[in-house]
Every structure is written in structure tokens, then in C-alpha cells.
N, C-alpha and C. Protein backbone atom coordinates (compact mmCIF):
# COMPACT_ATOMS: atom_id res chain seq x y z
N MET A 1 51.89 42.56 56.86
CA MET A 1 52.60 43.72 57.34
C MET A 1 54.05 43.35 57.61
N VAL A 2 54.95 44.23 57.24
CA VAL A 2 56.37 44.01 57.43
C VAL A 2 56.74 44.31 58.87
N PRO A 3 57.40 43.33 59.56
CA PRO A 3 57.81 43.60 60.92
C PRO A 3 58.79 44.77 61.02
N SER A 4 58.66 45.58 62.05
CA SER A 4 59.55 46.69 62.29
C SER A 4 59.73 46.87 63.77
N PRO A 5 60.73 47.62 64.21
CA PRO A 5 60.84 47.87 65.66
C PRO A 5 59.59 48.48 66.25
N THR A 6 58.97 49.40 65.49
CA THR A 6 57.73 50.01 65.97
C THR A 6 56.63 48.98 66.11
N TRP A 7 56.48 48.08 65.13
CA TRP A 7 55.44 47.07 65.18
C TRP A 7 55.66 46.11 66.31
N ASP A 8 56.92 45.77 66.62
CA ASP A 8 57.23 44.91 67.74
C ASP A 8 56.80 45.56 69.06
N VAL A 9 56.99 46.87 69.18
CA VAL A 9 56.58 47.58 70.39
C VAL A 9 55.05 47.54 70.50
N VAL A 10 54.35 47.78 69.40
CA VAL A 10 52.87 47.73 69.42
C VAL A 10 52.39 46.38 69.91
N GLU A 11 52.99 45.33 69.39
CA GLU A 11 52.60 43.96 69.78
C GLU A 11 52.85 43.73 71.28
N ARG A 12 53.93 44.26 71.78
CA ARG A 12 54.27 44.11 73.20
C ARG A 12 53.30 44.89 74.09
N LEU A 13 52.82 46.03 73.60
CA LEU A 13 51.94 46.89 74.43
C LEU A 13 50.49 46.44 74.44
N THR A 14 50.08 45.64 73.49
CA THR A 14 48.65 45.27 73.40
C THR A 14 48.32 43.80 73.62
N PRO A 15 49.14 43.01 74.31
CA PRO A 15 48.85 41.59 74.36
C PRO A 15 47.56 41.23 75.12
N HIS A 16 47.22 42.01 76.11
CA HIS A 16 46.06 41.68 76.95
C HIS A 16 44.96 42.74 76.85
N GLY A 17 45.04 43.58 75.83
CA GLY A 17 44.03 44.61 75.64
C GLY A 17 44.02 45.70 76.66
N SER A 18 45.17 45.93 77.34
CA SER A 18 45.21 46.95 78.38
C SER A 18 45.01 48.36 77.78
N ILE A 19 45.52 48.58 76.55
CA ILE A 19 45.27 49.82 75.86
C ILE A 19 44.86 49.46 74.45
N ASN A 20 44.21 50.39 73.78
CA ASN A 20 43.74 50.05 72.42
C ASN A 20 44.89 50.18 71.43
N ARG A 21 44.65 49.63 70.28
CA ARG A 21 45.71 49.53 69.22
C ARG A 21 46.21 50.92 68.81
N GLY A 22 45.31 51.89 68.65
CA GLY A 22 45.72 53.23 68.25
C GLY A 22 46.65 53.88 69.26
N GLU A 23 46.30 53.74 70.55
CA GLU A 23 47.17 54.30 71.58
C GLU A 23 48.52 53.60 71.58
N ALA A 24 48.51 52.28 71.42
CA ALA A 24 49.77 51.52 71.39
C ALA A 24 50.64 51.98 70.19
N GLU A 25 49.99 52.22 69.07
CA GLU A 25 50.74 52.65 67.89
C GLU A 25 51.39 54.03 68.10
N LEU A 26 50.66 54.94 68.76
CA LEU A 26 51.20 56.27 69.05
C LEU A 26 52.36 56.21 70.04
N ILE A 27 52.21 55.38 71.07
CA ILE A 27 53.26 55.23 72.05
C ILE A 27 54.51 54.59 71.39
N ALA A 28 54.26 53.60 70.56
CA ALA A 28 55.37 52.92 69.87
C ALA A 28 56.08 53.89 68.93
N LEU A 29 55.33 54.71 68.23
CA LEU A 29 55.93 55.69 67.32
C LEU A 29 56.81 56.66 68.09
N ALA A 30 56.26 57.17 69.21
CA ALA A 30 57.04 58.09 70.05
C ALA A 30 58.29 57.44 70.61
N ALA A 31 58.17 56.16 70.99
CA ALA A 31 59.29 55.45 71.61
C ALA A 31 60.39 55.12 70.63
N THR A 32 60.02 54.88 69.37
CA THR A 32 61.01 54.37 68.42
C THR A 32 61.38 55.36 67.33
N THR A 33 60.56 56.33 67.03
CA THR A 33 60.79 57.18 65.87
C THR A 33 60.79 58.66 66.16
N VAL A 34 60.02 59.11 67.14
CA VAL A 34 59.91 60.54 67.43
C VAL A 34 60.42 60.79 68.84
N PRO A 35 61.74 60.96 69.00
CA PRO A 35 62.32 61.06 70.34
C PRO A 35 61.84 62.23 71.20
N ALA A 36 61.33 63.27 70.60
CA ALA A 36 60.79 64.39 71.35
C ALA A 36 59.27 64.38 71.42
N GLY A 37 58.65 63.31 70.92
CA GLY A 37 57.20 63.22 70.88
C GLY A 37 56.58 63.13 72.26
N CYS A 38 55.37 63.65 72.34
CA CYS A 38 54.62 63.64 73.61
C CYS A 38 53.23 63.11 73.32
N LEU A 39 52.80 62.10 74.09
CA LEU A 39 51.45 61.58 73.93
C LEU A 39 50.49 62.45 74.74
N VAL A 40 49.45 62.97 74.07
CA VAL A 40 48.41 63.78 74.71
C VAL A 40 47.17 62.92 74.81
N THR A 41 46.74 62.62 76.04
CA THR A 41 45.60 61.73 76.23
C THR A 41 44.95 61.99 77.59
N LEU A 42 43.69 61.59 77.70
CA LEU A 42 42.97 61.57 78.97
C LEU A 42 42.74 60.16 79.44
N ASP A 43 43.11 59.17 78.62
CA ASP A 43 42.90 57.78 78.96
C ASP A 43 43.91 57.36 80.04
N GLU A 44 43.40 56.84 81.16
CA GLU A 44 44.26 56.51 82.28
C GLU A 44 45.25 55.40 81.93
N LYS A 45 44.78 54.34 81.29
CA LYS A 45 45.69 53.21 80.98
C LYS A 45 46.75 53.65 79.96
N ALA A 46 46.33 54.43 78.97
CA ALA A 46 47.29 54.89 77.98
C ALA A 46 48.30 55.86 78.61
N SER A 47 47.83 56.69 79.52
CA SER A 47 48.75 57.62 80.23
C SER A 47 49.79 56.87 81.00
N TYR A 48 49.35 55.88 81.75
CA TYR A 48 50.28 55.10 82.57
C TYR A 48 51.25 54.35 81.69
N THR A 49 50.75 53.70 80.65
CA THR A 49 51.64 52.95 79.74
C THR A 49 52.63 53.88 79.09
N ALA A 50 52.21 55.04 78.63
CA ALA A 50 53.10 56.00 78.02
C ALA A 50 54.14 56.52 79.02
N LEU A 51 53.73 56.75 80.24
CA LEU A 51 54.69 57.21 81.27
C LEU A 51 55.77 56.14 81.47
N VAL A 52 55.39 54.90 81.55
CA VAL A 52 56.37 53.82 81.72
C VAL A 52 57.27 53.71 80.51
N GLU A 53 56.68 53.75 79.30
CA GLU A 53 57.47 53.55 78.09
C GLU A 53 58.27 54.77 77.66
N LEU A 54 57.72 55.96 77.84
CA LEU A 54 58.35 57.17 77.32
C LEU A 54 59.10 57.98 78.39
N GLY A 55 58.63 57.87 79.62
CA GLY A 55 59.25 58.62 80.72
C GLY A 55 58.59 59.95 80.97
N PRO A 56 58.97 60.60 82.07
CA PRO A 56 58.35 61.87 82.43
C PRO A 56 58.60 62.95 81.34
N GLY A 57 57.64 63.81 81.22
CA GLY A 57 57.75 64.92 80.27
C GLY A 57 57.31 64.56 78.85
N ARG A 58 56.90 63.29 78.63
CA ARG A 58 56.50 62.89 77.30
C ARG A 58 55.05 62.42 77.26
N VAL A 59 54.31 62.71 78.34
CA VAL A 59 52.89 62.38 78.42
C VAL A 59 52.18 63.60 78.99
N ALA A 60 51.07 63.99 78.39
CA ALA A 60 50.34 65.17 78.87
C ALA A 60 48.86 65.00 78.71
N SER A 61 48.14 65.67 79.55
CA SER A 61 46.67 65.76 79.35
C SER A 61 46.44 66.86 78.31
N PRO A 62 45.25 66.89 77.71
CA PRO A 62 44.96 67.99 76.80
C PRO A 62 45.11 69.36 77.47
N PHE A 63 44.76 69.43 78.79
CA PHE A 63 44.84 70.71 79.47
C PHE A 63 46.30 71.17 79.60
N ASP A 64 47.22 70.23 79.87
CA ASP A 64 48.64 70.57 79.93
C ASP A 64 49.14 71.05 78.55
N PHE A 65 48.64 70.34 77.52
CA PHE A 65 49.01 70.71 76.15
C PHE A 65 48.53 72.13 75.83
N PHE A 66 47.26 72.44 76.17
CA PHE A 66 46.75 73.78 75.93
C PHE A 66 47.53 74.83 76.73
N HIS A 67 47.84 74.49 77.98
CA HIS A 67 48.63 75.41 78.84
C HIS A 67 49.99 75.70 78.20
N ALA A 68 50.63 74.66 77.68
CA ALA A 68 51.95 74.86 77.02
C ALA A 68 51.79 75.72 75.76
N LEU A 69 50.71 75.51 74.99
CA LEU A 69 50.49 76.31 73.79
C LEU A 69 50.40 77.81 74.15
N ILE A 70 49.76 78.09 75.26
CA ILE A 70 49.58 79.49 75.65
C ILE A 70 50.84 80.05 76.27
N HIS A 71 51.43 79.32 77.24
CA HIS A 71 52.52 79.89 78.01
C HIS A 71 53.91 79.68 77.41
N GLU A 72 54.04 78.74 76.51
CA GLU A 72 55.37 78.48 75.94
C GLU A 72 55.44 78.76 74.44
N HIS A 73 54.30 78.79 73.78
CA HIS A 73 54.30 78.91 72.33
C HIS A 73 53.54 80.10 71.79
N GLY A 74 53.12 80.99 72.68
CA GLY A 74 52.55 82.26 72.25
C GLY A 74 51.10 82.30 71.82
N LEU A 75 50.37 81.23 72.07
CA LEU A 75 48.94 81.27 71.76
C LEU A 75 48.27 82.25 72.72
N HIS A 76 47.36 83.06 72.24
CA HIS A 76 46.72 84.08 73.09
C HIS A 76 45.95 83.41 74.23
N PRO A 77 46.07 83.93 75.47
CA PRO A 77 45.36 83.35 76.62
C PRO A 77 43.85 83.31 76.46
N ASP A 78 43.27 84.20 75.66
CA ASP A 78 41.83 84.14 75.45
C ASP A 78 41.35 82.86 74.77
N ALA A 79 42.30 82.10 74.23
CA ALA A 79 41.96 80.84 73.57
C ALA A 79 41.64 79.73 74.58
N TRP A 80 42.05 79.90 75.85
CA TRP A 80 41.88 78.84 76.85
C TRP A 80 40.46 78.31 76.92
N PRO A 81 39.40 79.14 77.12
CA PRO A 81 38.04 78.59 77.21
C PRO A 81 37.62 77.79 75.99
N ALA A 82 37.96 78.29 74.82
CA ALA A 82 37.56 77.59 73.59
C ALA A 82 38.27 76.24 73.49
N LEU A 83 39.57 76.20 73.84
CA LEU A 83 40.31 74.95 73.79
C LEU A 83 39.71 73.94 74.80
N CYS A 84 39.39 74.41 75.98
CA CYS A 84 38.85 73.51 77.02
C CYS A 84 37.49 72.93 76.63
N ARG A 85 36.76 73.66 75.85
CA ARG A 85 35.45 73.13 75.38
C ARG A 85 35.60 71.86 74.54
N PHE A 86 36.76 71.70 73.91
CA PHE A 86 37.00 70.50 73.12
C PHE A 86 37.06 69.23 74.00
N VAL A 87 37.28 69.42 75.31
CA VAL A 87 37.43 68.32 76.21
C VAL A 87 36.20 68.26 77.11
N GLN A 88 35.05 68.18 76.52
CA GLN A 88 33.81 68.18 77.26
C GLN A 88 33.71 66.92 78.13
N GLY A 89 33.13 67.09 79.30
CA GLY A 89 32.93 65.97 80.19
C GLY A 89 34.08 65.79 81.20
N TYR A 90 35.10 66.58 81.06
CA TYR A 90 36.24 66.51 82.00
C TYR A 90 36.39 67.85 82.70
N THR A 91 36.83 67.80 83.90
CA THR A 91 37.04 69.04 84.66
C THR A 91 38.48 69.48 84.54
N ILE A 92 38.70 70.75 84.39
CA ILE A 92 40.05 71.32 84.32
C ILE A 92 40.75 70.99 85.64
N PRO A 93 41.94 70.42 85.60
CA PRO A 93 42.65 70.13 86.86
C PRO A 93 42.81 71.38 87.71
N LEU A 94 42.70 71.22 89.01
CA LEU A 94 42.80 72.36 89.94
C LEU A 94 44.10 73.12 89.75
N ARG A 95 45.19 72.42 89.45
CA ARG A 95 46.49 73.10 89.28
C ARG A 95 46.52 74.03 88.07
N LEU A 96 45.57 73.84 87.13
CA LEU A 96 45.52 74.68 85.92
C LEU A 96 44.31 75.57 85.88
N ALA A 97 43.37 75.37 86.79
CA ALA A 97 42.10 76.18 86.77
C ALA A 97 42.43 77.61 87.19
N PRO A 98 41.71 78.54 86.60
CA PRO A 98 41.92 79.94 87.02
C PRO A 98 41.50 80.12 88.46
N PRO A 99 42.13 81.01 89.18
CA PRO A 99 41.74 81.25 90.59
C PRO A 99 40.33 81.81 90.67
N PRO A 100 39.62 81.46 91.74
CA PRO A 100 38.24 81.98 91.88
C PRO A 100 38.25 83.51 91.93
N ALA A 101 37.23 84.05 91.37
CA ALA A 101 37.13 85.54 91.32
C ALA A 101 36.70 86.09 92.65
């Protein structure tokens, strides 16, 4: 493999296995090539690493991503339940959950 700035970042992010190679590659790509890129993940270690490397506003949970699709990009609000089903096993954060009826 040809060394590149992105590859150097991947190597720096994965020396002790704190995050997996795929996550490191996505963070490195966002850090070096995609200046407006945002990592969407539920992985705690990857979230923390991305926050440190990319800074605030460039890391999101899937729920934040879905919320932005609806409220900032015109996706119909009725899509919320279907989108959330893709993230089975996780609870919608209280700050994004619909108010109790």
C-alpha cells in the first residue's frame, strides 16, 4: 500500500486496537479529505476518537442523523419510526424521543 496522509492517520488511530480499522479509516478520511464529513456511529470508542480528531459537530448518532434528515433536509416526519427500526437494540435518546402522549 502506498503511504498517504490518510493512511498515516489510520495507523496512528489503531495502534492499540482502541477502535477497529474501518472506523479509523472513516475518521481519517473525514480528517484529511472530507472537511465537512460527519461520522455517524453508536460505537462509544469511535465516537470519542472522532470527537477528539474531528471536533464538535462532526460526530453524530444515527438518531441525530435521522433528526437532521427530517428537520433540516425535508424528509417527511412519518419516516422517523421506520428509520429508528434500523437501529434495533438501542433506545432513542430522551432529548430526541417524542413527548409522552
